[in-house]
Amino acid sequence: MPMPPPRSWPRKWREDIRFAIAEDQEQVDKLLEARESHAGLGLIIYDDPRGLAGREPAGVAGFETIRAEGAARIKADPALAADLVARATIHDVAVLMHSSGTTGAPKGIP
């Protein structure tokens, strides 16, 4: 019998979440399952490479890979860093974090 979706899943659709950061393979697996019903979740970035490094499914990348790609882009185009900073506006969301809901419903963290 399939597990019911976590209470946080409706947020993924409401807030049009396109990227997610996961700690480890277990969280990546949960997000891959969520992506089956939310195609907008385009990239899952993980921190702990155990069980994933070198075997990432499409749309999954390690944090160190993302960091290295960003550093390489800035090295290739030194003006890129200043350009990215200049693009930001007061209307941009920099980080949107939610609790896991361990002791209650998942909620935003200020």
Protein backbone atom coordinates (compact mmCIF):
# COMPACT_ATOMS: atom_id res chain seq x y z
CA MET A 1 0.00 0.00 0.00
CA PRO A 2 1.52 3.38 -0.97
CA MET A 3 2.36 5.82 1.80
CA PRO A 4 0.19 8.95 1.97
CA PRO A 5 1.99 12.09 0.79
CA PRO A 6 3.63 14.20 3.48
CA ARG A 7 1.65 17.22 4.67
CA SER A 8 4.20 19.54 3.07
CA TRP A 9 3.51 18.35 -0.50
CA PRO A 10 0.59 20.71 -1.21
CA ARG A 11 3.03 23.58 -0.56
CA LYS A 12 5.12 22.39 -3.50
CA TRP A 13 2.23 23.00 -5.85
CA ARG A 14 0.96 26.20 -4.21
CA GLU A 15 4.34 27.90 -4.12
CA ASP A 16 5.58 26.57 -7.48
CA ILE A 17 8.72 25.11 -5.94
CA ARG A 18 11.27 24.40 -8.68
CA PHE A 19 14.36 23.53 -6.61
CA ALA A 20 14.83 21.61 -3.38
CA ILE A 21 17.79 20.99 -1.12
CA ALA A 22 18.03 17.60 0.56
CA GLU A 23 20.43 16.36 3.18
CA ASP A 24 20.84 12.77 2.02
CA GLN A 25 19.66 9.94 -0.20
CA GLU A 26 16.55 9.29 1.91
CA GLN A 27 15.34 12.88 1.42
CA VAL A 28 16.26 12.78 -2.27
CA ASP A 29 14.16 9.63 -2.68
CA LYS A 30 11.16 11.36 -1.06
CA LEU A 31 11.57 14.37 -3.33
CA LEU A 32 11.87 12.14 -6.41
CA GLU A 33 8.57 10.56 -5.42
CA ALA A 34 7.04 14.03 -5.02
CA ARG A 35 8.37 15.04 -8.43
CA GLU A 36 6.30 12.28 -10.05
CA SER A 37 3.20 14.37 -9.34
CA HIS A 38 4.88 17.80 -9.51
CA ALA A 39 6.88 18.10 -12.71
CA GLY A 40 7.86 21.67 -11.78
CA LEU A 41 10.39 20.34 -9.27
CA GLY A 42 13.28 20.52 -11.69
CA LEU A 43 16.40 20.24 -9.55
CA ILE A 44 17.12 18.45 -6.29
CA ILE A 45 20.44 19.35 -4.67
CA TYR A 46 21.83 17.07 -1.97
CA ASP A 47 24.57 17.55 0.63
CA ASP A 48 25.58 14.05 1.75
CA PRO A 49 26.92 12.11 -1.27
CA ARG A 50 26.70 8.63 0.31
CA GLY A 51 24.60 6.43 -1.95
CA LEU A 52 24.24 9.13 -4.62
CA ALA A 53 27.63 10.36 -5.82
CA GLY A 54 28.17 9.33 -9.41
CA ARG A 55 24.72 7.70 -9.66
CA GLU A 56 22.47 10.75 -9.57
CA PRO A 57 19.14 10.45 -11.38
CA ALA A 58 18.29 13.17 -13.90
CA GLY A 59 17.63 16.46 -12.15
CA VAL A 60 19.63 15.55 -9.03
CA ALA A 61 23.05 17.05 -8.27
CA GLY A 62 25.40 17.27 -5.31
CA PHE A 63 25.91 20.61 -3.59
CA GLU A 64 29.64 20.44 -4.33
CA THR A 65 28.90 19.93 -8.04
CA ILE A 66 26.64 23.00 -8.09
CA ARG A 67 29.24 25.03 -6.16
CA ALA A 68 32.02 23.99 -8.54
CA GLU A 69 29.92 24.79 -11.62
CA GLY A 70 29.15 28.24 -10.21
CA ALA A 71 32.80 28.91 -9.41
CA ALA A 72 33.79 27.85 -12.93
CA ARG A 73 31.20 30.17 -14.48
CA ILE A 74 32.42 33.12 -12.42
CA LYS A 75 36.04 32.32 -13.28
CA ALA A 76 35.14 32.21 -16.99
CA ASP A 77 33.15 35.47 -16.74
CA PRO A 78 34.40 37.64 -13.84
CA ALA A 79 31.66 40.23 -14.45
CA LEU A 80 29.00 37.60 -13.80
CA ALA A 81 29.17 37.94 -9.99
CA ALA A 82 28.42 41.68 -10.07
CA ASP A 83 25.74 41.12 -12.72
CA LEU A 84 23.97 38.54 -10.57
CA VAL A 85 24.00 40.85 -7.55
CA ALA A 86 22.64 43.72 -9.67
CA ARG A 87 19.71 41.56 -10.88
CA ALA A 88 18.29 41.10 -7.39
CA THR A 89 15.30 43.20 -6.33
CA ILE A 90 13.41 43.60 -3.08
CA HIS A 91 10.74 41.34 -4.57
CA ASP A 92 13.06 38.33 -4.97
CA VAL A 93 12.90 35.45 -2.53
CA ALA A 94 16.39 34.46 -1.48
CA VAL A 95 15.57 31.51 0.78
CA LEU A 96 12.27 29.94 1.72
CA MET A 97 12.70 27.36 4.47
CA HIS A 98 10.14 25.10 6.12
CA SER A 99 10.29 22.93 9.20
CA SER A 100 9.93 19.18 8.75
CA GLY A 101 6.77 19.10 10.81
CA THR A 102 8.21 16.61 13.29
CA THR A 103 6.12 17.93 16.19
CA GLY A 104 3.26 19.46 14.19
CA ALA A 105 2.33 20.73 10.76
CA PRO A 106 5.25 21.89 8.60
CA LYS A 107 5.58 25.67 8.68
CA GLY A 108 7.70 28.47 7.30
CA ILE A 109 10.77 29.51 9.27
CA PRO A 110 11.32 33.30 9.50
